[in-house]
């Protein structure tokens, strides 16, 4: 699955509930967003492959990933 949020404009905090079982997901988000994980991972993982940038002191756009990752994974990417 590919979820592309590059054209999304969130204000404050948004939550995304993702469940993967024996599979994966690719999450594409803008590089200036703060992404936090509250997901449960069992034999899987979440990998943030975005370029490292200086985090803002007061992040305005926060994406929280919730859900369950079982024998799979989530890759977080950005195009910039």
C-alpha atoms as a PDB file:
ATOM      1  CA  UNK A   1       0.000   0.000   0.000  1.00  0.00           C
ATOM      2  CA  UNK A   2       1.171   3.530  -0.730  1.00  0.00           C
ATOM      3  CA  UNK A   3      -0.286   6.479   1.154  1.00  0.00           C
ATOM      4  CA  UNK A   4       0.746   9.833  -0.289  1.00  0.00           C
ATOM      5  CA  UNK A   5       0.147  12.823   1.983  1.00  0.00           C
ATOM      6  CA  UNK A   6       2.337  15.327   0.127  1.00  0.00           C
ATOM      7  CA  UNK A   7      -0.685  17.426  -0.879  1.00  0.00           C
ATOM      8  CA  UNK A   8      -2.321  17.237   2.563  1.00  0.00           C
ATOM      9  CA  UNK A   9      -2.351  20.295   4.800  1.00  0.00           C
ATOM     10  CA  UNK A  10      -2.888  19.447   8.443  1.00  0.00           C
ATOM     11  CA  UNK A  11      -3.002  21.920  11.292  1.00  0.00           C
ATOM     12  CA  UNK A  12      -1.869  20.610  14.658  1.00  0.00           C
ATOM     13  CA  UNK A  13      -1.935  16.848  15.169  1.00  0.00           C
ATOM     14  CA  UNK A  14      -3.330  14.176  12.860  1.00  0.00           C
ATOM     15  CA  UNK A  15      -3.598  10.453  13.600  1.00  0.00           C
ATOM     16  CA  UNK A  16      -3.299   7.644  11.070  1.00  0.00           C
ATOM     17  CA  UNK A  17      -4.367   4.107  12.028  1.00  0.00           C
ATOM     18  CA  UNK A  18      -2.435   1.525  10.005  1.00  0.00           C
ATOM     19  CA  UNK A  19      -2.652  -2.266  10.268  1.00  0.00           C
ATOM     20  CA  UNK A  20      -0.317  -4.466   8.216  1.00  0.00           C
ATOM     21  CA  UNK A  21      -0.152  -8.251   8.382  1.00  0.00           C
ATOM     22  CA  UNK A  22       2.473 -10.052   6.258  1.00  0.00           C
ATOM     23  CA  UNK A  23       2.852  -6.941   4.117  1.00  0.00           C
ATOM     24  CA  UNK A  24       3.929  -3.372   4.156  1.00  0.00           C
ATOM     25  CA  UNK A  25       3.007   0.208   3.562  1.00  0.00           C
ATOM     26  CA  UNK A  26       4.841   3.185   2.136  1.00  0.00           C
ATOM     27  CA  UNK A  27       3.907   6.481   3.732  1.00  0.00           C
ATOM     28  CA  UNK A  28       4.972   9.619   1.844  1.00  0.00           C
ATOM     29  CA  UNK A  29       4.845  12.784   3.948  1.00  0.00           C
ATOM     30  CA  UNK A  30       6.372  16.260   3.618  1.00  0.00           C
ATOM     31  CA  UNK A  31       9.849  16.483   5.129  1.00  0.00           C
ATOM     32  CA  UNK A  32       8.947  19.283   7.555  1.00  0.00           C
ATOM     33  CA  UNK A  33       6.277  17.238   9.379  1.00  0.00           C
ATOM     34  CA  UNK A  34       7.031  15.582  12.691  1.00  0.00           C
ATOM     35  CA  UNK A  35       6.142  11.872  12.599  1.00  0.00           C
ATOM     36  CA  UNK A  36       5.683   9.902  15.823  1.00  0.00           C
ATOM     37  CA  UNK A  37       4.885   6.227  16.190  1.00  0.00           C
ATOM     38  CA  UNK A  38       2.513   4.749  18.753  1.00  0.00           C
ATOM     39  CA  UNK A  39       2.023   1.554  16.729  1.00  0.00           C
ATOM     40  CA  UNK A  40       2.559  -1.932  18.104  1.00  0.00           C
ATOM     41  CA  UNK A  41       5.152  -3.846  16.088  1.00  0.00           C
ATOM     42  CA  UNK A  42       5.520  -7.633  16.236  1.00  0.00           C
ATOM     43  CA  UNK A  43       8.263  -9.011  13.964  1.00  0.00           C
ATOM     44  CA  UNK A  44       8.035  -5.813  11.948  1.00  0.00           C
ATOM     45  CA  UNK A  45       9.035  -2.204  12.124  1.00  0.00           C
ATOM     46  CA  UNK A  46       8.691   1.403  11.097  1.00  0.00           C
ATOM     47  CA  UNK A  47      11.572   2.995   9.201  1.00  0.00           C
ATOM     48  CA  UNK A  48      11.791   6.766   8.664  1.00  0.00           C
ATOM     49  CA  UNK A  49      13.854   7.204   5.484  1.00  0.00           C
ATOM     50  CA  UNK A  50      13.373  10.967   5.173  1.00  0.00           C
ATOM     51  CA  UNK A  51      16.399  13.225   5.107  1.00  0.00           C
ATOM     52  CA  UNK A  52      17.399  14.538   8.498  1.00  0.00           C
ATOM     53  CA  UNK A  53      16.519  18.169   9.029  1.00  0.00           C
ATOM     54  CA  UNK A  54      16.544  20.424  12.050  1.00  0.00           C
ATOM     55  CA  UNK A  55      13.288  19.864  13.954  1.00  0.00           C
ATOM     56  CA  UNK A  56      11.202  22.901  14.806  1.00  0.00           C
ATOM     57  CA  UNK A  57      10.990  23.873  18.467  1.00  0.00           C
ATOM     58  CA  UNK A  58       7.199  24.052  18.228  1.00  0.00           C
ATOM     59  CA  UNK A  59       6.149  21.650  15.489  1.00  0.00           C
ATOM     60  CA  UNK A  60       2.935  22.768  13.825  1.00  0.00           C
ATOM     61  CA  UNK A  61       2.284  19.603  11.844  1.00  0.00           C
ATOM     62  CA  UNK A  62       2.476  16.313  13.720  1.00  0.00           C
ATOM     63  CA  UNK A  63       1.445  12.937  12.316  1.00  0.00           C
ATOM     64  CA  UNK A  64       0.980  10.129  14.830  1.00  0.00           C
ATOM     65  CA  UNK A  65       0.980   6.590  13.452  1.00  0.00           C
ATOM     66  CA  UNK A  66      -1.174   4.150  15.394  1.00  0.00           C
ATOM     67  CA  UNK A  67      -2.127   0.547  14.722  1.00  0.00           C
ATOM     68  CA  UNK A  68      -0.471  -2.846  14.469  1.00  0.00           C
ATOM     69  CA  UNK A  69       2.389  -4.025  12.278  1.00  0.00           C
ATOM     70  CA  UNK A  70       2.643  -7.820  12.250  1.00  0.00           C
ATOM     71  CA  UNK A  71       5.334  -9.489  10.097  1.00  0.00           C
ATOM     72  CA  UNK A  72       5.560  -6.380   7.920  1.00  0.00           C
ATOM     73  CA  UNK A  73       6.687  -2.801   7.950  1.00  0.00           C
ATOM     74  CA  UNK A  74       6.064   0.828   7.199  1.00  0.00           C
ATOM     75  CA  UNK A  75       8.559   2.979   5.286  1.00  0.00           C
ATOM     76  CA  UNK A  76       8.225   6.733   5.770  1.00  0.00           C
ATOM     77  CA  UNK A  77       9.584   8.757   2.825  1.00  0.00           C
ATOM     78  CA  UNK A  78       9.446  12.242   1.365  1.00  0.00           C
ATOM     79  CA  UNK A  79      10.209  13.532  -2.108  1.00  0.00           C
ATOM     80  CA  UNK A  80      12.378  16.407  -0.838  1.00  0.00           C
END
